[in-house]
Amino acid sequence: MLGFAVRRILVAVGVALTVSVASFLLLHLSGDLATAIAGPEATGEQIAAIRVQHGLDQPLVVQFGTWAWHALQFDFGRSFYFPEQVTDLLASRLPVTLTLGVIALAVALLVAIPLGVVAAFHRDTWIDRTALAVSVLGQAMPSFWFGLTLILIFSVNLRWLPVSGNATWKHFILPAVALGYYAMPAVMRLTRNGMLEVLSSDYVRTARAKGLPPRKILIRHALRNAVIPVIALAAVQFGFMLGGSIVIEAVFSLQGLGQLAWESIARNDFPVVQAIVLVLAMIYIGLTLAADLLNALLDPRLRS
């Protein structure tokens, strides 16, 4: 187990380094940052002064080394638009995005896993076909359209839930459902396929031959083994939710990292964009690493 963990950690560190280099280079290769910061009406002298002020006159390797050293100390500099440190901006917005992601993942798992189990248990019946239809619809439906539909039904017509904002827990219900529904199909299909494989295995047939109740076979023997790959998928989906929450946060006006990324891109606030990309990537890498280690702990076959 220790060797497996060390290998996975080394891979995670390599991926993190690659992402940090890529996030730094993508912004610098998109054009002259000094010109973008100064604006279209700036003079040559003003652009040159901005280039010196932000260290953009230094070689690219030196710029990356300086940025990476400060990033390791959680110092991402000052925002070009907001009058505060980038770290303070992230600290104020990250809890909103994490709360949305956790609730959305819980919604996806609480619906998808039972749906996948029921679909597998009633294979090739109308229940199975209905579950698969729900899965296809979830991936085909644009998340922003689904979010607007939820607002129209539950906020405008029924007036059950607030339209936008993040002041109370009620504000997270509709965006969490909209974001979780997009992740639900993959979890449901993986659960269904895992259950079908486990239900046809020898030890399940042996349990049936011993006369064990179907519910006991389903929960104690089948589901426990079928959900192991779902753990890794849930971590990946959570990372996707955090990165893809920009659309949902824009629809529901949630003041999270997604909304901040949108505002920063529109205003050429490059330090904030770099920090958001790096932080979300690190969270995604950490979640993937944790899922790999947990899977290896639950299934010794994965350690080889």
Foldseek 3Di string as FASTA:
>chain_A
DVVLLVVLVVVLVVVLVVLLVVLLVVLVVVDLLLDLLQDPPDDPVSSVVSCVVQVVVDDPVVNSVVCVVCVVVVFLDPWSPDGDGLSVLQVVFAVLLLVLLVLLLVVLCVPQLVLLLVLLVVDPDVSVVVSLVLLVVLQVDDLLVQLVVCCVPDCVPVNPAHQAEDPDPSLSPSLSPSLNSNLNSVLNVQSNVQLNVQCPDDVLVVCVVVPDDPVCSSPVPRNVRSCLVVQLSSLQSSLVSSVPCLSSCVRRVYRHLSVVCVVCVVSSRSSNVSSSSSVSSSSSSVSNSVSLVVSCVSPVVSSD
